[in-house]
Structures are given as structure tokens and as C-alpha cells.
């Protein structure tokens, strides 16, 4: 059995759950890219793959995660090639795709399953949407992310495992293809597995709300956005968006505009606001 997850934090918690149930024994593989943002046009072609890599290079350049593309830390295409090879060589091998109810996991699911049509019947989905769990305090909650679920609770979640249906293998890749053709930069989860798209600047207006008239580290502004805003995405993406706004001259900045802890931002002072009457 091969378990697929879409977040680094999910790997550890799922491995702990597997230790509690030998029927779940198998490798845990992570799909590392965030397919909820960035270009999708021609994503399965050599040109499309390179265009997406270049976009990530531009987004991460001079920031906290600069160089991740060049060092090969993210190579999901190699993961899929290996996965297909294993499924061909081991006819009894099964794949369990774990996804929580968030745009990141669902986008990853679409990207992955659209490449595995030849293995219908051997791919299972465990989609934890609207499923209640018990947290460490004994309270009921509805997780948006796998890694917040206690390992022992995964034993309940495994009962949701079901084969991805033939109908889903027909419909879901078509939905994913439509999103690719729209060629927008931000994907949002409306409910179920339905994704809608917005432009690259979708989060800008909300991010601006956390920029005040006082100097603040870029890291503080971004972390406020991530902790308080209803719709969020990764900090690397938000750092890029902040830099885009700074390049356009929308805010005052001091320090070297690189890592988010190295520079400060504040609202521009209105012209004449600092002038006092004699």
C-alpha cells in the first residue's frame, strides 16, 4: 500500500497512525508542490512544467525559500513516474490518496489522479470533508488539515477509503482541464471537490488590511494575515505579493527587501500630513 499526502506535516502524523494499525502498513509519499496557486496551462507538457518551475523561481527569488526549485526539493513529476512504475511492476499494489477539505489538498488530488487513469480500481480516495473528529481535549472538531487530526483518530478515517470511481476518472480530469484553460493563478474550494479560480492578486486587498501607519516587519504582517484571514495561502506566496505591491510603490519600506524578517513596511504618509501649522 502507498499512502499519498500533500503536506509535510501530514507525513509524520500518518506514519504514527500506521504504527497503530498494521493493516495500513505502507510507504507514505508526499506531493510537495502547491497546486492551489500558480500557472496550470500545459502542466503535463515539458513546456508547461518548465513554465511553472520558472514561476516558482520568480516567486521565491530573494526570499526565505530561494533556491528550492534549483536544489530539486520539489519534483512531483519524478514522484509520479516512480509511482506509475511501481503500479505496473506490482499488480496488487494499492494507492490511498488522503485529502482534507482544503484547496491545497483538493488541487493536489486533481493534479495527481488525472495522470493515473490506467489504474482505476487500485486508487482509493480518503476525502475527510465534513467529517467530525475528536481532538486531544476530547472535543468534536471538523479538521481542514490532516495533520491536526490525532493519530488514533486516523483509524476511524481509514473506514472512508473507497475506490475512485470510473465516473470520477471521467469527470474530475475534465474539471481540472477547464481550470488549466482558464489560466488563472489562485484556486479556491467552494465545497465538496469544486474549485473556482481568481487572479494572482486575489489576496492583495486582505493583506493590505494588516499594513498600518507604523513600521512592522514583513513577517509580522504576513503572519497576521495567515492567522486572522478567512482565505489564506502559503507564506512564500504572500511574501511575493507583498514585494509586488512594494515594487509598485504602494507602501513605504525600509531594510533590504529579501527575507520577510529583513525589512519593514508601513502605509505611506499622506502628502502634507506631517506638516504642522506655525
Protein backbone atom coordinates (compact mmCIF):
# COMPACT_ATOMS: atom_id res chain seq x y z
CA UNK A 1 0.00 0.00 0.00
CA UNK A 2 1.18 3.50 -0.87
CA UNK A 3 -0.22 6.48 1.04
CA UNK A 4 -0.23 9.87 -0.72
CA UNK A 5 -0.43 13.14 1.24
CA UNK A 6 0.01 16.77 0.20
CA UNK A 7 1.64 18.44 3.22
CA UNK A 8 4.91 17.80 5.01
CA UNK A 9 3.19 17.83 8.41
CA UNK A 10 0.80 15.09 7.22
CA UNK A 11 3.66 12.63 6.70
CA UNK A 12 4.61 12.36 10.37
CA UNK A 13 1.07 12.09 11.76
CA UNK A 14 0.10 9.45 9.19
CA UNK A 15 3.20 7.40 9.99
CA UNK A 16 2.24 7.48 13.66
CA UNK A 17 -1.27 6.31 12.74
CA UNK A 18 0.17 3.45 10.68
CA UNK A 19 2.11 2.30 13.74
CA UNK A 20 -1.24 1.82 15.48
CA UNK A 21 -2.77 -0.31 12.70
CA UNK A 22 -0.78 -2.92 10.80
CA UNK A 23 -3.48 -3.15 8.10
CA UNK A 24 -2.38 0.33 6.97
CA UNK A 25 1.29 -0.59 6.58
CA UNK A 26 2.90 1.05 3.58
CA UNK A 27 5.04 3.89 2.29
CA UNK A 28 3.97 7.50 2.86
CA UNK A 29 4.70 9.71 -0.16
CA UNK A 30 4.27 13.49 -0.25
CA UNK A 31 3.26 15.58 -3.26
CA UNK A 32 5.14 18.78 -2.46
CA UNK A 33 4.05 21.48 -4.88
CA UNK A 34 1.09 23.71 -4.01
CA UNK A 35 -1.24 23.37 -7.00
CA UNK A 36 -3.71 25.80 -5.44
CA UNK A 37 -1.55 28.64 -6.77
CA UNK A 38 0.44 29.31 -9.90
CA UNK A 39 0.11 28.55 -13.62
CA UNK A 40 -1.53 25.32 -14.79
CA UNK A 41 -1.54 25.83 -18.56
CA UNK A 42 0.03 22.79 -20.23
CA UNK A 43 1.09 21.46 -16.85
CA UNK A 44 1.69 17.92 -18.15
CA UNK A 45 3.87 19.08 -21.05
CA UNK A 46 7.60 19.81 -20.89
CA UNK A 47 6.94 23.48 -21.65
CA UNK A 48 4.20 23.75 -19.04
CA UNK A 49 6.29 22.07 -16.36
CA UNK A 50 9.20 24.43 -17.05
CA UNK A 51 6.88 27.47 -17.07
CA UNK A 52 5.61 26.50 -13.63
CA UNK A 53 9.14 25.95 -12.32
CA UNK A 54 10.17 29.35 -13.65
CA UNK A 55 7.15 30.96 -12.00
CA UNK A 56 8.17 29.44 -8.67
CA UNK A 57 11.76 30.65 -9.20
CA UNK A 58 10.41 34.18 -9.66
CA UNK A 59 8.11 33.92 -6.62
CA UNK A 60 10.82 32.55 -4.31
CA UNK A 61 13.68 34.71 -5.60
CA UNK A 62 15.41 36.65 -2.82
CA UNK A 63 13.07 35.27 -0.19
CA UNK A 64 13.10 32.76 2.64
CA UNK A 65 12.74 29.79 0.26
CA UNK A 66 15.01 30.97 -2.54
CA UNK A 67 16.71 28.09 -4.37
CA UNK A 68 14.21 25.32 -3.62
CA UNK A 69 13.50 24.78 -7.32
CA UNK A 70 17.18 24.59 -8.28
CA UNK A 71 18.04 22.13 -5.49
CA UNK A 72 15.34 19.73 -6.63
CA UNK A 73 13.49 19.78 -3.31
CA UNK A 74 10.23 19.77 -5.26
CA UNK A 75 10.00 17.27 -8.12
CA UNK A 76 6.49 15.84 -8.13
CA UNK A 77 6.82 14.63 -11.72
CA UNK A 78 9.60 12.26 -10.66
CA UNK A 79 7.34 11.04 -7.83
CA UNK A 80 4.56 10.22 -10.31
CA UNK A 81 6.94 8.44 -12.69
CA UNK A 82 8.12 6.27 -9.80
CA UNK A 83 4.54 5.67 -8.67
CA UNK A 84 3.43 4.53 -12.13
CA UNK A 85 6.44 2.23 -12.39
CA UNK A 86 5.60 0.62 -9.04
CA UNK A 87 1.97 0.11 -10.01
CA UNK A 88 2.99 -1.52 -13.28
CA UNK A 89 5.51 -3.83 -11.62
CA UNK A 90 3.37 -4.74 -8.61
CA UNK A 91 -0.17 -5.62 -9.84
CA UNK A 92 -1.57 -5.96 -6.29
CA UNK A 93 -0.27 -2.59 -5.07
CA UNK A 94 -2.92 -0.08 -3.94
CA UNK A 95 -2.72 3.70 -3.57
CA UNK A 96 -4.58 5.60 -0.86
CA UNK A 97 -4.88 9.33 -1.55
CA UNK A 98 -5.54 11.30 1.66
CA UNK A 99 -7.15 14.73 1.33
CA UNK A 100 -8.72 17.10 3.83
CA UNK A 101 -11.25 19.77 2.93
CA UNK A 102 -8.92 22.49 1.72
CA UNK A 103 -7.94 23.90 -1.67
CA UNK A 104 -4.35 22.70 -1.37
CA UNK A 105 -5.21 19.02 -0.93
CA UNK A 106 -8.03 19.05 -3.49
CA UNK A 107 -5.87 20.75 -6.12
CA UNK A 108 -3.16 18.17 -5.49
CA UNK A 109 -5.72 15.38 -5.82
CA UNK A 110 -6.84 16.64 -9.24
CA UNK A 111 -3.26 17.06 -10.44
CA UNK A 112 -2.32 13.53 -9.35
CA UNK A 113 -5.36 11.44 -10.26
CA UNK A 114 -5.57 12.92 -13.75
CA UNK A 115 -2.30 11.11 -14.53
CA UNK A 116 -3.35 7.71 -13.17
CA UNK A 117 -6.40 6.76 -15.24
CA UNK A 118 -4.81 3.44 -16.20
CA UNK A 119 -5.02 2.23 -12.61
CA UNK A 120 -8.73 2.70 -11.94
CA UNK A 121 -9.79 0.25 -9.22
CA UNK A 122 -6.43 0.43 -7.47
CA UNK A 123 -6.61 4.10 -6.47
CA UNK A 124 -8.55 4.91 -3.32
CA UNK A 125 -9.60 8.33 -2.05
CA UNK A 126 -10.00 9.23 1.62
CA UNK A 127 -11.59 12.67 1.48
CA UNK A 128 -12.26 13.91 5.01
CA UNK A 129 -14.84 16.55 4.14
CA UNK A 130 -17.39 17.44 6.83
CA UNK A 131 -16.29 14.51 8.98
CA UNK A 132 -16.17 15.14 12.76
CA UNK A 133 -13.17 14.05 14.80
CA UNK A 134 -12.22 14.14 18.47
CA UNK A 135 -9.28 16.36 19.41
CA UNK A 136 -6.78 15.86 22.24
CA UNK A 137 -9.16 17.62 24.67
CA UNK A 138 -12.00 15.27 23.81
CA UNK A 139 -13.92 17.90 21.85
CA UNK A 140 -15.52 17.43 18.43
CA UNK A 141 -13.97 19.40 15.57
CA UNK A 142 -14.00 19.41 11.77
CA UNK A 143 -10.41 19.43 10.50
CA UNK A 144 -9.35 21.41 7.47
CA UNK A 145 -5.92 19.74 7.52
CA UNK A 146 -4.87 16.13 8.07
CA UNK A 147 -2.03 16.95 10.44
CA UNK A 148 -4.36 18.39 13.10
CA UNK A 149 -6.07 15.00 13.50
CA UNK A 150 -4.69 12.88 16.39
CA UNK A 151 -3.03 9.69 15.05
CA UNK A 152 -5.52 7.40 16.80
CA UNK A 153 -8.39 9.18 15.03
CA UNK A 154 -7.00 8.09 11.66
CA UNK A 155 -8.20 4.60 12.49
CA UNK A 156 -11.72 5.97 12.08
CA UNK A 157 -10.77 7.89 8.96
CA UNK A 158 -9.50 4.78 7.18
CA UNK A 159 -13.08 3.50 7.00
CA UNK A 160 -13.73 6.21 4.42
CA UNK A 161 -11.33 4.62 1.93
CA UNK A 162 -13.14 3.90 -1.34
CA UNK A 163 -12.02 3.34 -4.92
CA UNK A 164 -12.04 6.40 -7.16
CA UNK A 165 -14.95 5.56 -9.43
CA UNK A 166 -14.88 5.25 -13.21
CA UNK A 167 -17.22 8.25 -13.33
CA UNK A 168 -14.77 10.32 -11.28
CA UNK A 169 -11.95 9.33 -13.61
CA UNK A 170 -14.04 10.75 -16.45
CA UNK A 171 -15.39 13.90 -14.78
CA UNK A 172 -12.58 15.07 -12.47
CA UNK A 173 -9.82 15.29 -15.14
CA UNK A 174 -12.25 17.29 -17.30
CA UNK A 175 -12.83 19.74 -14.43
CA UNK A 176 -9.08 20.01 -13.94
CA UNK A 177 -8.60 20.62 -17.68
CA UNK A 178 -11.10 23.50 -17.54
CA UNK A 179 -9.11 25.09 -14.73
CA UNK A 180 -5.94 24.75 -16.80
CA UNK A 181 -7.57 26.51 -19.75
CA UNK A 182 -8.73 29.43 -17.58
CA UNK A 183 -5.07 30.14 -16.83
CA UNK A 184 -5.63 31.99 -13.54
CA UNK A 185 -3.33 31.99 -10.54
CA UNK A 186 -5.37 31.24 -7.41
CA UNK A 187 -7.70 28.33 -6.73
CA UNK A 188 -10.35 28.28 -4.00
CA UNK A 189 -12.51 25.45 -2.68
CA UNK A 190 -16.22 26.22 -2.87
CA UNK A 191 -17.37 22.97 -1.31
CA UNK A 192 -17.10 19.26 -1.95
CA UNK A 193 -14.38 19.00 -4.60
CA UNK A 194 -15.43 22.10 -6.56
CA UNK A 195 -12.62 24.54 -7.23
CA UNK A 196 -13.02 28.07 -8.57
CA UNK A 197 -10.26 30.44 -9.67
CA UNK A 198 -9.22 34.04 -9.15
CA UNK A 199 -6.37 36.22 -10.34
CA UNK A 200 -2.89 36.28 -8.82
CA UNK A 201 -3.79 39.43 -6.86
CA UNK A 202 -6.76 37.79 -5.11
CA UNK A 203 -5.21 38.01 -1.62
CA UNK A 204 -3.76 41.52 -2.01
CA UNK A 205 -6.71 43.51 -0.65
CA UNK A 206 -6.89 41.45 2.53
CA UNK A 207 -3.12 41.55 3.04
CA UNK A 208 -3.21 45.35 2.86
CA UNK A 209 -5.55 45.43 5.88
CA UNK A 210 -2.67 44.35 8.11
CA UNK A 211 -0.34 47.14 6.97
CA UNK A 212 -0.65 50.13 9.30
CA UNK A 213 0.87 53.56 9.77
CA UNK A 214 3.57 52.06 11.97
CA UNK A 215 6.65 50.19 10.83
CA UNK A 216 6.14 46.43 11.01
CA UNK A 217 8.34 43.53 9.96
CA UNK A 218 7.04 41.90 6.79
CA UNK A 219 6.97 38.63 8.74
CA UNK A 220 4.53 40.10 11.27
CA UNK A 221 2.21 41.42 8.55
CA UNK A 222 2.18 38.06 6.77
CA UNK A 223 1.68 36.05 9.95
CA UNK A 224 -1.23 38.29 10.97
CA UNK A 225 -2.80 37.65 7.59
CA UNK A 226 -2.27 33.88 7.90
CA UNK A 227 -3.71 33.71 11.43
CA UNK A 228 -6.65 36.08 11.05
CA UNK A 229 -7.81 35.98 7.44
CA UNK A 230 -10.52 33.56 6.33
CA UNK A 231 -8.88 32.75 3.00
CA UNK A 232 -5.12 32.17 3.17
CA UNK A 233 -2.29 30.55 1.29
CA UNK A 234 1.42 29.87 1.86
CA UNK A 235 3.73 32.48 3.37
CA UNK A 236 6.08 32.34 0.36
CA UNK A 237 3.23 33.37 -1.95
CA UNK A 238 2.22 36.20 0.39
CA UNK A 239 5.80 37.46 0.62
CA UNK A 240 5.87 37.59 -3.17
CA UNK A 241 2.59 39.52 -3.30
CA UNK A 242 3.88 42.00 -0.71
CA UNK A 243 7.03 42.53 -2.77
CA UNK A 244 4.90 43.12 -5.89
CA UNK A 245 2.98 45.85 -4.06
CA UNK A 246 6.20 47.41 -2.78
CA UNK A 247 7.67 47.41 -6.29
CA UNK A 248 4.58 49.33 -7.42
CA UNK A 249 5.30 51.96 -4.74
CA UNK A 250 2.12 51.34 -2.76
CA UNK A 251 3.82 51.41 0.68
CA UNK A 252 6.89 52.74 2.45
CA UNK A 253 9.65 50.22 3.10
CA UNK A 254 12.93 50.17 5.00
CA UNK A 255 15.58 47.48 5.05
CA UNK A 256 16.63 45.00 2.38
CA UNK A 257 13.59 43.55 0.62
CA UNK A 258 14.55 39.89 0.82
CA UNK A 259 13.62 37.52 3.66
CA UNK A 260 10.46 38.55 5.46
CA UNK A 261 12.30 39.36 8.71
CA UNK A 262 14.77 41.68 6.98
CA UNK A 263 12.53 44.59 6.05
CA UNK A 264 9.71 46.68 7.47
CA UNK A 265 6.61 48.15 5.83
CA UNK A 266 4.07 50.84 6.65
CA UNK A 267 1.42 52.92 4.92
CA UNK A 268 2.63 55.93 3.03
CA UNK A 269 2.17 59.21 4.84
CA UNK A 270 -0.43 61.34 3.08
CA UNK A 271 1.13 64.33 1.34
CA UNK A 272 1.25 67.23 3.77
CA UNK A 273 0.19 65.11 6.74
CA UNK A 274 3.47 65.73 8.56
CA UNK A 275 3.29 69.49 8.05
CA UNK A 276 2.30 71.39 11.20
CA UNK A 277 0.90 74.90 11.31
CA UNK A 278 3.15 77.54 12.81
